[in-house]
N, C-alpha and C. Protein backbone atom coordinates (compact mmCIF):
# COMPACT_ATOMS: atom_id res chain seq x y z
N MET A 1 0.84 -1.18 0.00
CA MET A 1 0.00 0.00 0.00
C MET A 1 0.89 1.24 0.00
N SER A 2 0.71 2.13 -0.95
CA SER A 2 1.51 3.35 -0.98
C SER A 2 0.74 4.49 -0.34
N ALA A 3 1.46 5.41 0.25
CA ALA A 3 0.85 6.56 0.91
C ALA A 3 1.29 7.82 0.21
N THR A 4 0.41 8.80 0.20
CA THR A 4 0.74 10.11 -0.33
C THR A 4 1.35 10.92 0.80
N VAL A 5 2.50 11.52 0.56
CA VAL A 5 3.15 12.34 1.58
C VAL A 5 2.65 13.77 1.43
N ILE A 6 2.11 14.31 2.51
CA ILE A 6 1.62 15.69 2.53
C ILE A 6 2.70 16.52 3.20
N LEU A 7 3.18 17.55 2.51
CA LEU A 7 4.34 18.28 2.99
C LEU A 7 4.04 19.46 3.91
N SER A 8 2.81 19.90 4.00
CA SER A 8 2.54 21.05 4.86
C SER A 8 1.35 20.79 5.77
N PRO A 9 1.37 21.35 6.98
CA PRO A 9 0.22 21.21 7.87
C PRO A 9 -1.07 21.76 7.27
N ALA A 10 -0.96 22.85 6.48
CA ALA A 10 -2.16 23.42 5.85
C ALA A 10 -2.80 22.41 4.89
N ALA A 11 -1.96 21.75 4.11
CA ALA A 11 -2.47 20.73 3.18
C ALA A 11 -3.05 19.55 3.96
N ALA A 12 -2.40 19.19 5.05
CA ALA A 12 -2.91 18.10 5.88
C ALA A 12 -4.25 18.48 6.48
N ALA A 13 -4.37 19.71 6.98
CA ALA A 13 -5.64 20.16 7.55
C ALA A 13 -6.73 20.15 6.49
N GLU A 14 -6.40 20.57 5.28
CA GLU A 14 -7.37 20.57 4.19
C GLU A 14 -7.86 19.15 3.91
N THR A 15 -6.96 18.18 3.98
CA THR A 15 -7.31 16.78 3.73
C THR A 15 -8.12 16.20 4.88
N VAL A 16 -7.69 16.43 6.10
CA VAL A 16 -8.33 15.85 7.28
C VAL A 16 -9.65 16.53 7.61
N CYS A 17 -9.71 17.83 7.42
CA CYS A 17 -10.88 18.61 7.83
C CYS A 17 -11.88 18.76 6.70
N HIS A 18 -12.29 17.64 6.13
CA HIS A 18 -13.31 17.69 5.09
C HIS A 18 -14.67 17.94 5.72
N GLU A 19 -15.65 18.31 4.91
CA GLU A 19 -16.94 18.77 5.42
C GLU A 19 -17.60 17.78 6.38
N GLU A 20 -17.62 16.51 6.03
CA GLU A 20 -18.25 15.51 6.91
C GLU A 20 -17.58 15.48 8.28
N GLN A 21 -16.25 15.49 8.31
CA GLN A 21 -15.53 15.45 9.58
C GLN A 21 -15.78 16.73 10.38
N LEU A 22 -15.78 17.88 9.69
CA LEU A 22 -16.05 19.14 10.39
C LEU A 22 -17.44 19.15 11.01
N ARG A 23 -18.41 18.57 10.33
CA ARG A 23 -19.77 18.50 10.90
C ARG A 23 -19.79 17.64 12.15
N ILE A 24 -19.07 16.53 12.13
CA ILE A 24 -18.99 15.66 13.30
C ILE A 24 -18.36 16.42 14.47
N TRP A 25 -17.24 17.10 14.21
CA TRP A 25 -16.57 17.85 15.28
C TRP A 25 -17.44 18.99 15.79
N ALA A 26 -18.10 19.69 14.89
CA ALA A 26 -18.98 20.79 15.31
C ALA A 26 -20.10 20.26 16.20
N ASP A 27 -20.66 19.12 15.83
CA ASP A 27 -21.71 18.52 16.65
C ASP A 27 -21.18 18.15 18.04
N ASP A 28 -19.94 17.66 18.10
CA ASP A 28 -19.33 17.33 19.40
C ASP A 28 -19.28 18.56 20.30
N VAL A 29 -18.83 19.69 19.75
CA VAL A 29 -18.71 20.91 20.55
C VAL A 29 -20.09 21.42 20.95
N ILE A 30 -21.01 21.49 20.00
CA ILE A 30 -22.35 21.99 20.29
C ILE A 30 -23.06 21.10 21.30
N SER A 31 -22.92 19.78 21.14
CA SER A 31 -23.54 18.84 22.08
C SER A 31 -22.97 19.00 23.48
N ALA A 32 -21.66 19.14 23.58
CA ALA A 32 -21.04 19.32 24.90
C ALA A 32 -21.55 20.59 25.57
N LEU A 33 -21.64 21.67 24.82
CA LEU A 33 -22.14 22.93 25.37
C LEU A 33 -23.60 22.79 25.79
N GLY A 34 -24.39 22.15 24.96
CA GLY A 34 -25.80 21.96 25.28
C GLY A 34 -26.00 21.07 26.50
N MET A 35 -25.24 19.99 26.60
CA MET A 35 -25.37 19.08 27.74
C MET A 35 -24.95 19.73 29.05
N GLU A 36 -24.06 20.69 28.98
CA GLU A 36 -23.61 21.40 30.19
C GLU A 36 -24.45 22.66 30.47
N ASN A 37 -25.48 22.88 29.64
CA ASN A 37 -26.37 24.05 29.78
C ASN A 37 -25.64 25.38 29.71
N TYR A 38 -24.67 25.50 28.80
CA TYR A 38 -23.92 26.74 28.65
C TYR A 38 -24.12 27.41 27.30
N LEU A 39 -25.18 27.08 26.62
CA LEU A 39 -25.44 27.77 25.37
C LEU A 39 -25.92 29.20 25.64
N ASN A 40 -26.58 29.41 26.75
CA ASN A 40 -27.01 30.75 27.18
C ASN A 40 -26.46 30.99 28.58
N PHE A 41 -25.33 31.67 28.67
CA PHE A 41 -24.76 31.92 29.99
C PHE A 41 -25.20 33.30 30.48
N SER A 42 -25.34 33.41 31.80
CA SER A 42 -25.85 34.66 32.37
C SER A 42 -24.87 35.33 33.31
N SER A 43 -23.69 34.74 33.50
CA SER A 43 -22.71 35.36 34.39
C SER A 43 -21.31 35.14 33.82
N TYR A 44 -20.36 35.87 34.37
CA TYR A 44 -18.97 35.72 33.95
C TYR A 44 -18.46 34.32 34.27
N ALA A 45 -18.86 33.78 35.41
CA ALA A 45 -18.44 32.42 35.79
C ALA A 45 -18.92 31.40 34.76
N ASP A 46 -20.15 31.59 34.25
CA ASP A 46 -20.65 30.70 33.22
C ASP A 46 -19.79 30.80 31.96
N LYS A 47 -19.38 32.02 31.62
CA LYS A 47 -18.53 32.23 30.44
C LYS A 47 -17.20 31.50 30.61
N VAL A 48 -16.61 31.60 31.82
CA VAL A 48 -15.34 30.91 32.09
C VAL A 48 -15.54 29.40 31.99
N ASP A 49 -16.62 28.89 32.56
CA ASP A 49 -16.90 27.45 32.48
C ASP A 49 -17.06 27.02 31.02
N MET A 50 -17.76 27.84 30.22
CA MET A 50 -17.95 27.51 28.81
C MET A 50 -16.60 27.47 28.10
N GLU A 51 -15.74 28.41 28.43
CA GLU A 51 -14.42 28.44 27.81
C GLU A 51 -13.65 27.14 28.09
N HIS A 52 -13.74 26.65 29.32
CA HIS A 52 -13.05 25.40 29.68
C HIS A 52 -13.62 24.21 28.91
N ILE A 53 -14.93 24.19 28.74
CA ILE A 53 -15.55 23.11 27.97
C ILE A 53 -15.06 23.15 26.53
N VAL A 54 -15.04 24.35 25.93
CA VAL A 54 -14.59 24.48 24.55
C VAL A 54 -13.12 24.09 24.42
N MET A 55 -12.29 24.51 25.37
CA MET A 55 -10.87 24.13 25.35
C MET A 55 -10.71 22.62 25.38
N ARG A 56 -11.46 21.96 26.25
CA ARG A 56 -11.41 20.49 26.35
C ARG A 56 -11.80 19.84 25.02
N GLU A 57 -12.87 20.33 24.43
CA GLU A 57 -13.34 19.75 23.17
C GLU A 57 -12.36 20.02 22.03
N ILE A 58 -11.77 21.21 21.98
CA ILE A 58 -10.79 21.50 20.94
C ILE A 58 -9.60 20.57 21.07
N LYS A 59 -9.13 20.35 22.30
CA LYS A 59 -8.01 19.42 22.50
C LYS A 59 -8.36 18.04 21.97
N SER A 60 -9.56 17.59 22.26
CA SER A 60 -10.00 16.29 21.78
C SER A 60 -10.05 16.27 20.25
N ILE A 61 -10.51 17.35 19.65
CA ILE A 61 -10.58 17.43 18.19
C ILE A 61 -9.18 17.38 17.58
N ILE A 62 -8.25 18.15 18.14
CA ILE A 62 -6.88 18.16 17.62
C ILE A 62 -6.25 16.78 17.74
N GLU A 63 -6.44 16.12 18.87
CA GLU A 63 -5.90 14.77 19.03
C GLU A 63 -6.49 13.83 17.99
N SER A 64 -7.79 13.96 17.74
CA SER A 64 -8.43 13.14 16.71
C SER A 64 -7.85 13.42 15.34
N ALA A 65 -7.59 14.70 15.05
CA ALA A 65 -7.04 15.07 13.74
C ALA A 65 -5.66 14.46 13.53
N PHE A 66 -4.80 14.54 14.55
CA PHE A 66 -3.46 13.98 14.39
C PHE A 66 -3.47 12.46 14.36
N ASP A 67 -4.55 11.85 14.86
CA ASP A 67 -4.68 10.40 14.82
C ASP A 67 -5.41 9.93 13.57
N HIS A 68 -5.92 10.85 12.78
CA HIS A 68 -6.66 10.53 11.56
C HIS A 68 -5.73 9.83 10.57
N PRO A 69 -6.20 8.81 9.88
CA PRO A 69 -5.34 8.08 8.93
C PRO A 69 -4.65 8.99 7.91
N GLU A 70 -5.31 10.04 7.44
CA GLU A 70 -4.68 10.95 6.48
C GLU A 70 -3.52 11.72 7.11
N ALA A 71 -3.58 11.99 8.41
CA ALA A 71 -2.53 12.78 9.08
C ALA A 71 -1.27 11.96 9.28
N ARG A 72 -1.33 10.67 9.20
CA ARG A 72 -0.15 9.82 9.41
C ARG A 72 0.89 9.99 8.31
N THR A 73 0.52 10.61 7.21
CA THR A 73 1.45 10.75 6.10
C THR A 73 2.07 12.14 6.02
N ILE A 74 1.92 12.97 7.06
CA ILE A 74 2.50 14.31 7.06
C ILE A 74 4.01 14.20 7.29
N LYS A 75 4.77 14.77 6.40
CA LYS A 75 6.22 14.81 6.56
C LYS A 75 6.58 16.10 7.28
N ARG A 76 7.23 15.99 8.39
CA ARG A 76 7.65 17.16 9.17
C ARG A 76 8.97 17.67 8.62
N LEU A 77 9.04 18.94 8.29
CA LEU A 77 10.26 19.52 7.75
C LEU A 77 11.12 20.10 8.85
């Protein structure tokens, strides 16, 4: 099996972040916010809590992206 080598992170992101995958990730973030009842925050503390939830989800998304089969062929310069 031959692999295509992607030479730049931008090209890798373009390959990994296709529309279907972006929809899945967006749903993950929206669902997490909805389940924690932070879609409508009424205080600064709620805003800080929402920020932590988003940070957690972004970290999970980035880890998923680097573990994506297409990302395994990125050549680091």
